[in-house]
């Protein structure tokens, strides 16, 4: 099956009729291949997440206890992340693929990596995630799922058309992140919006991905029942009751949207600034950056009496405890948490390998809970608006940000959705205005310019 690009110019051929494509035999074969590929790829994604979870427990809890410590010392993340920085830097420098895409540049879906690049992507992500870098697993899973799908198909059929290979690679990514965000639908929206799918052919391209995501969700659920390890899905426990939106709530939506845009812009600009310095001396500076992330966690632990792990890791597993235990955090503690997590997030984006989604959600959630201590804003509304506004400030994906902030809250999310939409739109527009202006295109040389017409 072939899915051509959008035609440009009056002489370009007309795009194919979506109904004709769907009725073709090749499209039916493509759907069957997608469903079959979803099974091993989702199983591989489950294994990857299970390995990350075991390594996190081993490095942060079991290892210090094995060395004779009664618990995990608050300084422990410093050497742990320094060693992780060394491993990540070596993987980026010496293995093909540079460890995957650079998270400081956002969530990039630029096609499936080659088979030779997969080991470097996996190793860089494992070292980053296991040691506590403030980075998420979604970007490596997207790359690994797409790369494995294309590798499997080309191993069987070397002459597959590039357009069909691209669709199967995208379906592999859908399967790999099928339950990571709490629902196959959320993962599908994330990939669809990040890839910029649109037009009459959107449904034709999207249907195989949705099928792969559905199969992947079933495999994740089955493996959870078989192993008891969990589904590694973003799930919130008890969600407090949300007040109906009112004038004060919409005022807070404006405040949270503006604050998130400035904070998100600061995090990303700092990460990009540091990334350029890291690339000049990859090994030394990445080790130093890892140690600084550990120092940030130490400052938080010593200053607040809380666990350093709240600053480390993606924040995926910490969102539910943060919301459930919000009464145990003072405004000061939440502000310190936001600052330390944001600093560690920026440092991690500049040097490590992973995704930017979950840390942005956690930073926004903590900030929203801090503002909920003030009059006129309830806990659930502040949490949801903070998640959505910070997510869109970092990802520039407004639809995904709204869905992430509301669907996870169940029925309470439907109540606060109008406030979330306002906060997301304000943050999105302002963050785009705060972004650096794109570079002007280079002037066309006079020798290649079109001759004047008489």
Protein backbone atom coordinates (compact mmCIF):
# COMPACT_ATOMS: atom_id res chain seq x y z
CA UNK A 1 0.00 0.00 0.00
CA UNK A 2 1.27 3.46 -0.80
CA UNK A 3 0.34 6.67 0.99
CA UNK A 4 1.78 9.53 -1.08
CA UNK A 5 2.69 12.91 0.25
CA UNK A 6 0.46 15.94 -0.15
CA UNK A 7 0.82 17.26 -3.72
CA UNK A 8 2.40 20.64 -4.31
CA UNK A 9 1.66 22.76 -7.34
CA UNK A 10 -1.01 22.55 -10.04
CA UNK A 11 0.72 19.77 -12.00
CA UNK A 12 0.99 17.38 -9.02
CA UNK A 13 -1.19 14.26 -9.19
CA UNK A 14 -4.38 14.20 -7.17
CA UNK A 15 -4.19 12.33 -3.85
CA UNK A 16 -5.80 8.87 -3.76
CA UNK A 17 -9.37 8.47 -2.64
CA UNK A 18 -9.34 7.23 1.00
CA UNK A 19 -12.33 4.95 0.34
CA UNK A 20 -10.50 3.32 -2.56
CA UNK A 21 -7.41 2.75 -0.43
CA UNK A 22 -9.39 1.20 2.44
CA UNK A 23 -11.21 -1.15 0.05
CA UNK A 24 -7.97 -2.41 -1.49
CA UNK A 25 -6.53 -5.84 -0.72
CA UNK A 26 -3.20 -4.28 0.23
CA UNK A 27 -4.81 -2.25 3.00
CA UNK A 28 -6.42 -5.36 4.48
CA UNK A 29 -3.05 -7.11 4.44
CA UNK A 30 -1.50 -4.06 6.12
CA UNK A 31 -4.06 -4.22 8.94
CA UNK A 32 -3.36 -7.91 9.52
CA UNK A 33 0.38 -7.24 9.63
CA UNK A 34 -0.22 -4.39 12.07
CA UNK A 35 -2.22 -6.59 14.43
CA UNK A 36 0.39 -9.34 14.31
CA UNK A 37 3.28 -6.93 14.89
CA UNK A 38 1.49 -5.37 17.86
CA UNK A 39 1.83 -8.60 19.86
CA UNK A 40 5.66 -8.98 20.04
CA UNK A 41 6.32 -5.23 20.07
CA UNK A 42 4.00 -4.56 23.01
CA UNK A 43 5.52 -7.55 24.82
CA UNK A 44 8.99 -6.10 24.20
CA UNK A 45 7.82 -2.70 25.49
CA UNK A 46 6.41 -4.37 28.60
CA UNK A 47 9.75 -6.10 29.16
CA UNK A 48 11.62 -2.82 28.73
CA UNK A 49 9.45 -1.05 31.33
CA UNK A 50 9.71 -4.00 33.71
CA UNK A 51 13.50 -3.91 33.40
CA UNK A 52 13.54 -0.17 34.08
CA UNK A 53 11.42 -0.66 37.20
CA UNK A 54 13.67 -3.43 38.51
CA UNK A 55 16.83 -1.42 37.82
CA UNK A 56 15.39 1.62 39.62
CA UNK A 57 14.67 -0.49 42.70
CA UNK A 58 18.08 -2.14 42.49
CA UNK A 59 20.13 1.04 42.12
CA UNK A 60 18.21 3.29 44.51
CA UNK A 61 17.09 0.86 47.25
CA UNK A 62 18.74 -2.56 47.11
CA UNK A 63 22.29 -1.46 46.33
CA UNK A 64 22.72 1.01 49.24
CA UNK A 65 21.23 -1.54 51.63
CA UNK A 66 23.59 -4.17 50.28
CA UNK A 67 26.48 -1.81 51.04
CA UNK A 68 25.40 -1.59 54.70
CA UNK A 69 23.30 1.60 54.78
CA UNK A 70 20.15 1.48 56.88
CA UNK A 71 18.30 3.33 54.13
CA UNK A 72 19.12 5.25 50.99
CA UNK A 73 21.36 8.22 51.93
CA UNK A 74 20.18 11.57 50.58
CA UNK A 75 23.55 11.99 48.81
CA UNK A 76 23.26 8.64 47.04
CA UNK A 77 21.87 10.06 43.75
CA UNK A 78 25.05 12.10 43.17
CA UNK A 79 27.46 9.21 42.41
CA UNK A 80 24.64 7.13 40.92
CA UNK A 81 23.74 9.76 38.33
CA UNK A 82 27.40 10.54 37.63
CA UNK A 83 27.96 6.90 36.67
CA UNK A 84 24.76 6.98 34.60
CA UNK A 85 26.03 10.09 32.84
CA UNK A 86 29.21 8.25 31.90
CA UNK A 87 27.25 5.30 30.47
CA UNK A 88 24.90 7.57 28.52
CA UNK A 89 27.77 9.63 27.11
CA UNK A 90 29.62 6.51 25.96
CA UNK A 91 26.48 5.13 24.32
CA UNK A 92 25.87 8.42 22.51
CA UNK A 93 29.46 8.76 21.36
CA UNK A 94 30.33 5.22 20.32
CA UNK A 95 27.06 3.54 19.30
CA UNK A 96 25.06 4.34 16.13
CA UNK A 97 22.10 6.65 16.48
CA UNK A 98 23.43 8.96 19.23
CA UNK A 99 21.17 7.29 21.78
CA UNK A 100 17.98 8.49 20.11
CA UNK A 101 16.50 11.94 19.73
CA UNK A 102 17.49 14.84 21.96
CA UNK A 103 14.71 15.45 24.51
CA UNK A 104 15.53 19.15 24.88
CA UNK A 105 14.19 19.58 21.34
CA UNK A 106 10.74 18.25 22.27
CA UNK A 107 8.94 15.07 21.38
CA UNK A 108 10.23 14.30 17.90
CA UNK A 109 8.70 11.63 15.66
CA UNK A 110 11.02 11.67 12.67
CA UNK A 111 10.64 8.10 11.48
CA UNK A 112 11.72 4.71 12.73
CA UNK A 113 15.42 4.23 13.55
CA UNK A 114 17.48 1.59 11.80
CA UNK A 115 18.21 -1.78 13.39
CA UNK A 116 21.81 -0.73 14.05
CA UNK A 117 20.60 2.24 16.11
CA UNK A 118 18.29 0.27 18.42
CA UNK A 119 20.94 -1.00 20.91
CA UNK A 120 22.31 2.50 21.49
CA UNK A 121 18.81 3.92 22.03
CA UNK A 122 17.94 1.16 24.49
CA UNK A 123 21.19 1.42 26.47
CA UNK A 124 21.12 5.22 26.74
CA UNK A 125 17.49 5.15 27.87
CA UNK A 126 18.05 2.36 30.40
CA UNK A 127 21.01 4.16 31.98
CA UNK A 128 19.07 7.43 32.15
CA UNK A 129 15.81 6.01 33.52
CA UNK A 130 17.32 3.51 35.95
CA UNK A 131 19.55 6.04 37.72
CA UNK A 132 16.86 8.67 38.23
CA UNK A 133 17.39 11.23 35.48
CA UNK A 134 14.31 13.46 35.21
CA UNK A 135 13.18 12.05 31.91
CA UNK A 136 10.34 9.81 30.74
CA UNK A 137 10.23 6.45 28.91
CA UNK A 138 7.83 7.50 26.15
CA UNK A 139 10.36 8.72 23.56
CA UNK A 140 12.60 5.62 23.73
CA UNK A 141 9.53 3.38 23.51
CA UNK A 142 8.28 5.26 20.45
CA UNK A 143 11.66 4.85 18.75
CA UNK A 144 12.16 1.22 19.79
CA UNK A 145 8.61 0.21 18.80
CA UNK A 146 8.90 1.81 15.38
CA UNK A 147 12.39 0.45 14.77
CA UNK A 148 11.47 -3.10 15.77
CA UNK A 149 8.39 -3.05 13.54
CA UNK A 150 10.31 -1.92 10.46
CA UNK A 151 13.14 -4.38 11.17
CA UNK A 152 10.70 -7.29 11.52
CA UNK A 153 8.85 -6.44 8.30
CA UNK A 154 11.98 -5.90 6.22
CA UNK A 155 13.42 -9.17 7.50
CA UNK A 156 10.47 -10.96 5.92
CA UNK A 157 9.78 -8.71 2.92
CA UNK A 158 12.74 -6.66 1.74
CA UNK A 159 10.91 -5.00 -1.15
CA UNK A 160 8.15 -3.45 0.96
CA UNK A 161 7.14 0.02 -0.21
CA UNK A 162 8.54 2.94 1.85
CA UNK A 163 5.05 4.32 2.53
CA UNK A 164 3.82 0.98 3.91
CA UNK A 165 7.02 0.62 5.94
CA UNK A 166 6.42 4.06 7.46
CA UNK A 167 2.85 3.16 8.41
CA UNK A 168 4.00 -0.09 10.04
CA UNK A 169 6.75 1.75 11.89
CA UNK A 170 4.20 4.22 13.24
CA UNK A 171 1.95 1.32 14.26
CA UNK A 172 4.86 -0.20 16.17
CA UNK A 173 5.22 3.05 18.09
CA UNK A 174 1.48 3.04 18.85
CA UNK A 175 1.75 -0.49 20.25
CA UNK A 176 4.79 0.35 22.40
CA UNK A 177 3.10 3.26 24.21
CA UNK A 178 -0.41 1.81 24.17
CA UNK A 179 -1.01 1.92 27.93
CA UNK A 180 1.81 4.17 29.10
CA UNK A 181 -0.38 7.28 29.35
CA UNK A 182 -3.29 5.45 30.93
CA UNK A 183 -5.25 4.73 27.74
CA UNK A 184 -4.53 3.65 24.15
CA UNK A 185 -6.51 6.71 23.06
CA UNK A 186 -4.13 9.10 24.84
CA UNK A 187 -1.10 7.44 23.29
CA UNK A 188 -2.72 7.64 19.85
CA UNK A 189 -3.49 11.35 20.24
CA UNK A 190 0.07 12.02 21.39
CA UNK A 191 1.60 10.37 18.35
CA UNK A 192 -0.99 11.76 15.95
CA UNK A 193 -0.49 15.35 17.10
CA UNK A 194 3.29 15.05 17.35
CA UNK A 195 3.48 13.67 13.81
CA UNK A 196 1.10 16.31 12.45
CA UNK A 197 -1.31 13.82 10.86
CA UNK A 198 -4.16 15.51 9.04
CA UNK A 199 -6.13 15.72 5.83
CA UNK A 200 -8.36 13.23 4.08
CA UNK A 201 -5.85 10.39 4.48
CA UNK A 202 -5.51 10.80 8.25
CA UNK A 203 -7.98 8.02 9.03
CA UNK A 204 -6.30 5.67 6.56
CA UNK A 205 -2.93 6.13 8.25
CA UNK A 206 -4.33 6.29 11.77
CA UNK A 207 -6.42 3.11 11.68
CA UNK A 208 -3.42 0.71 11.69
CA UNK A 209 -1.94 2.63 14.61
CA UNK A 210 -5.16 2.45 16.60
CA UNK A 211 -5.38 -1.28 15.91
CA UNK A 212 -1.81 -1.78 17.11
CA UNK A 213 -2.52 0.29 20.22
CA UNK A 214 -5.58 -1.82 21.02
CA UNK A 215 -3.64 -5.06 20.59
CA UNK A 216 -0.82 -3.63 22.69
CA UNK A 217 -3.18 -2.71 25.52
CA UNK A 218 -4.53 -6.27 25.57
CA UNK A 219 -1.00 -7.70 25.68
CA UNK A 220 -0.01 -5.35 28.52
CA UNK A 221 -3.11 -6.40 30.49
CA UNK A 222 -2.44 -10.08 29.87
CA UNK A 223 1.21 -9.82 30.89
CA UNK A 224 0.17 -7.99 34.05
CA UNK A 225 -2.17 -10.86 34.96
CA UNK A 226 0.50 -13.43 34.16
CA UNK A 227 3.48 -11.77 35.87
CA UNK A 228 1.84 -9.55 38.49
CA UNK A 229 4.32 -6.79 37.66
CA UNK A 230 1.70 -4.20 36.69
CA UNK A 231 0.74 -2.52 33.44
CA UNK A 232 3.17 0.40 33.86
CA UNK A 233 0.31 2.76 33.08
CA UNK A 234 -0.27 6.28 34.32
CA UNK A 235 -3.12 5.87 36.81
CA UNK A 236 -4.40 8.25 39.47
CA UNK A 237 -5.96 6.84 42.64
CA UNK A 238 -8.49 8.80 44.64
CA UNK A 239 -9.25 12.14 42.98
CA UNK A 240 -10.69 14.85 45.29
CA UNK A 241 -14.00 16.45 44.38
CA UNK A 242 -13.67 19.45 42.05
CA UNK A 243 -15.75 22.60 42.33
CA UNK A 244 -17.80 23.79 39.39
CA UNK A 245 -15.95 26.39 37.29
CA UNK A 246 -16.63 29.97 38.33
CA UNK A 247 -15.16 33.41 37.71
CA UNK A 248 -12.37 32.85 40.25
CA UNK A 249 -11.51 29.55 38.57
CA UNK A 250 -11.16 31.18 35.17
CA UNK A 251 -8.98 33.86 36.73
CA UNK A 252 -6.71 31.14 38.11
CA UNK A 253 -6.65 29.50 34.67
CA UNK A 254 -5.14 32.70 33.26
CA UNK A 255 -2.57 32.87 36.08
CA UNK A 256 -1.55 29.23 35.78
CA UNK A 257 -1.36 29.47 31.99
CA UNK A 258 0.93 32.50 32.13
CA UNK A 259 3.14 31.06 34.90
CA UNK A 260 3.48 27.73 33.08
CA UNK A 261 4.45 29.41 29.82
CA UNK A 262 7.26 31.37 31.49
CA UNK A 263 8.47 28.39 33.53
CA UNK A 264 8.31 25.98 30.61
CA UNK A 265 10.14 28.42 28.34
CA UNK A 266 12.84 28.86 30.97
CA UNK A 267 13.28 25.09 31.36
CA UNK A 268 13.53 24.48 27.64
CA UNK A 269 15.79 27.42 26.82
CA UNK A 270 18.13 26.44 29.64
CA UNK A 271 18.20 22.85 28.40
CA UNK A 272 19.00 23.91 24.84
CA UNK A 273 21.70 26.29 26.08
CA UNK A 274 23.29 23.51 28.14
CA UNK A 275 22.89 20.95 25.37
CA UNK A 276 25.19 22.95 23.09
CA UNK A 277 27.87 22.95 25.84
CA UNK A 278 27.41 19.26 26.56
CA UNK A 279 27.98 18.32 22.93
CA UNK A 280 31.40 20.00 22.93
CA UNK A 281 32.76 17.72 25.67
CA UNK A 282 30.23 14.92 25.83
CA UNK A 283 31.70 12.54 28.42
CA UNK A 284 33.02 14.97 31.02
CA UNK A 285 30.07 17.37 30.95
CA UNK A 286 27.43 14.61 30.95
CA UNK A 287 29.02 13.09 34.07
CA UNK A 288 29.04 16.53 35.70
CA UNK A 289 25.42 17.13 34.69
CA UNK A 290 24.36 13.84 36.25
CA UNK A 291 26.09 14.78 39.48
CA UNK A 292 24.31 18.17 39.49
CA UNK A 293 20.94 16.44 39.13
CA UNK A 294 21.87 14.42 42.22
CA UNK A 295 22.89 17.59 44.07
CA UNK A 296 19.50 19.13 43.26
CA UNK A 297 17.75 16.10 44.77
CA UNK A 298 20.01 16.35 47.83
CA UNK A 299 19.13 20.02 48.33
CA UNK A 300 15.43 19.17 48.22
CA UNK A 301 15.76 16.26 50.64
CA UNK A 302 17.83 18.17 53.18
CA UNK A 303 15.76 21.34 52.90
CA UNK A 304 12.31 19.77 53.21
CA UNK A 305 12.80 16.43 54.95
CA UNK A 306 11.13 14.66 52.01
CA UNK A 307 12.62 11.85 49.95
CA UNK A 308 15.11 12.79 47.24
CA UNK A 309 13.30 10.47 44.83
CA UNK A 310 10.50 13.05 44.50
CA UNK A 311 12.89 15.19 42.47
CA UNK A 312 14.34 12.23 40.56
CA UNK A 313 12.78 10.06 37.85
CA UNK A 314 10.02 11.00 35.41
CA UNK A 315 7.32 11.59 38.00
CA UNK A 316 4.95 9.09 36.37
CA UNK A 317 4.63 6.95 39.51
CA UNK A 318 4.76 9.97 41.83
CA UNK A 319 1.75 11.85 40.42
CA UNK A 320 -0.87 9.76 42.21
CA UNK A 321 0.88 9.89 45.65
CA UNK A 322 1.40 13.64 45.21
CA UNK A 323 -2.32 14.23 44.63
CA UNK A 324 -3.41 11.79 47.35
CA UNK A 325 -0.97 13.19 49.92
CA UNK A 326 -1.20 16.87 48.98
CA UNK A 327 -2.38 17.77 52.50
CA UNK A 328 1.05 16.80 53.82
CA UNK A 329 2.85 19.41 51.71
CA UNK A 330 3.12 23.03 52.74
CA UNK A 331 3.20 25.80 50.16
CA UNK A 332 6.92 26.25 50.81
CA UNK A 333 7.64 22.56 50.28
CA UNK A 334 5.71 22.52 47.00
CA UNK A 335 7.51 25.62 45.75
CA UNK A 336 10.89 24.06 46.57
CA UNK A 337 9.76 20.87 44.84
CA UNK A 338 8.79 22.79 41.70
CA UNK A 339 12.10 24.66 41.61
CA UNK A 340 14.27 21.59 42.24
CA UNK A 341 12.32 19.39 39.84
CA UNK A 342 12.47 22.08 37.15
CA UNK A 343 16.24 22.47 37.55
CA UNK A 344 16.81 18.71 37.48
CA UNK A 345 14.45 18.47 34.49
CA UNK A 346 16.38 21.06 32.52
CA UNK A 347 19.72 19.43 33.33
CA UNK A 348 18.42 16.00 32.35
CA UNK A 349 16.95 17.26 29.07
CA UNK A 350 20.32 18.68 28.09
CA UNK A 351 22.37 15.51 28.55
CA UNK A 352 20.37 12.31 29.03
CA UNK A 353 18.07 10.38 26.73
CA UNK A 354 14.34 9.92 27.26
CA UNK A 355 11.06 11.75 26.82
CA UNK A 356 9.84 15.13 28.11
CA UNK A 357 6.18 14.30 28.85
CA UNK A 358 5.94 12.98 32.41
CA UNK A 359 8.33 15.44 34.10
CA UNK A 360 6.38 18.35 32.61
CA UNK A 361 3.17 16.88 34.05
CA UNK A 362 4.73 16.51 37.51
CA UNK A 363 6.17 20.04 37.58
CA UNK A 364 2.79 21.45 36.54
CA UNK A 365 0.92 19.32 39.08
CA UNK A 366 3.13 20.45 41.95
CA UNK A 367 2.79 24.08 40.89
CA UNK A 368 -0.99 23.79 40.62
CA UNK A 369 -1.21 22.21 44.08
CA UNK A 370 0.90 25.03 45.51
CA UNK A 371 -1.52 27.61 44.08
CA UNK A 372 -4.47 25.62 45.44
CA UNK A 373 -3.46 26.75 48.92
CA UNK A 374 -4.66 30.22 47.93
CA UNK A 375 -8.32 31.31 47.94
CA UNK A 376 -10.60 30.53 45.01
CA UNK A 377 -8.85 27.41 43.69
CA UNK A 378 -9.59 23.82 44.69
CA UNK A 379 -7.01 21.04 44.68
CA UNK A 380 -8.27 19.08 41.67
CA UNK A 381 -8.67 22.15 39.47
CA UNK A 382 -5.20 23.41 40.35
CA UNK A 383 -3.70 19.96 39.72
CA UNK A 384 -5.40 19.57 36.34
CA UNK A 385 -4.67 23.08 35.07
CA UNK A 386 -1.04 22.82 36.14
CA UNK A 387 -0.60 19.50 34.33
CA UNK A 388 -2.18 20.74 31.10
CA UNK A 389 -0.53 24.16 31.02
CA UNK A 390 2.98 22.89 31.75
CA UNK A 391 2.60 19.98 29.34
CA UNK A 392 1.68 22.25 26.44
CA UNK A 393 4.44 24.71 27.34
CA UNK A 394 7.01 21.92 26.92
CA UNK A 395 5.47 19.85 24.11
CA UNK A 396 3.47 22.41 22.07
CA UNK A 397 0.71 19.80 21.67
CA UNK A 398 -2.50 21.48 22.92
CA UNK A 399 -4.97 18.64 22.27
CA UNK A 400 -2.74 16.08 23.99
CA UNK A 401 -2.21 18.44 26.93
CA UNK A 402 -5.97 18.89 27.49
CA UNK A 403 -6.63 15.14 27.28
CA UNK A 404 -3.76 14.24 29.59
CA UNK A 405 -4.96 16.69 32.21
CA UNK A 406 -8.61 15.65 32.14
CA UNK A 407 -9.11 12.02 31.11
CA UNK A 408 -6.85 10.81 33.90
CA UNK A 409 -9.12 12.45 36.48
CA UNK A 410 -12.23 10.52 35.45
CA UNK A 411 -15.53 12.27 36.07
CA UNK A 412 -13.78 15.11 37.92
CA UNK A 413 -11.80 15.79 34.78
CA UNK A 414 -14.98 16.51 32.86
CA UNK A 415 -15.92 19.09 35.47
CA UNK A 416 -12.64 20.99 35.26
CA UNK A 417 -12.17 20.63 31.49
CA UNK A 418 -13.28 24.22 30.66
CA UNK A 419 -10.67 25.59 33.07
CA UNK A 420 -8.00 23.28 31.67
CA UNK A 421 -8.77 24.40 28.12
CA UNK A 422 -8.34 28.06 29.08
CA UNK A 423 -5.07 27.39 30.93
CA UNK A 424 -3.72 25.30 28.03
CA UNK A 425 -4.62 27.87 25.38
CA UNK A 426 -3.07 30.73 27.37
CA UNK A 427 0.10 28.74 28.01
CA UNK A 428 0.31 27.56 24.40
CA UNK A 429 -0.08 30.97 22.80
CA UNK A 430 2.24 32.71 25.25
CA UNK A 431 4.93 30.02 25.04
CA UNK A 432 4.90 30.35 21.23
CA UNK A 433 5.32 34.10 21.55
CA UNK A 434 8.18 33.64 24.01
CA UNK A 435 9.97 31.19 21.70
CA UNK A 436 12.86 32.60 19.65
CA UNK A 437 11.89 33.84 16.22
CA UNK A 438 12.78 31.38 13.43
CA UNK A 439 15.89 32.21 11.46
CA UNK A 440 15.30 34.11 8.24
CA UNK A 441 15.79 32.00 5.08
CA UNK A 442 19.05 32.51 3.27
CA UNK A 443 18.79 34.84 0.24
CA UNK A 444 18.74 33.18 -3.17
CA UNK A 445 22.04 33.76 -5.06
CA UNK A 446 21.65 36.10 -7.98
CA UNK A 447 23.02 33.50 -10.40
CA UNK A 448 20.12 31.12 -9.69
CA UNK A 449 17.39 33.73 -9.54
CA UNK A 450 14.67 33.63 -12.19
CA UNK A 451 15.32 35.95 -15.16
CA UNK A 452 13.06 38.97 -15.43
CA UNK A 453 10.13 38.73 -17.77
CA UNK A 454 9.45 41.36 -20.37
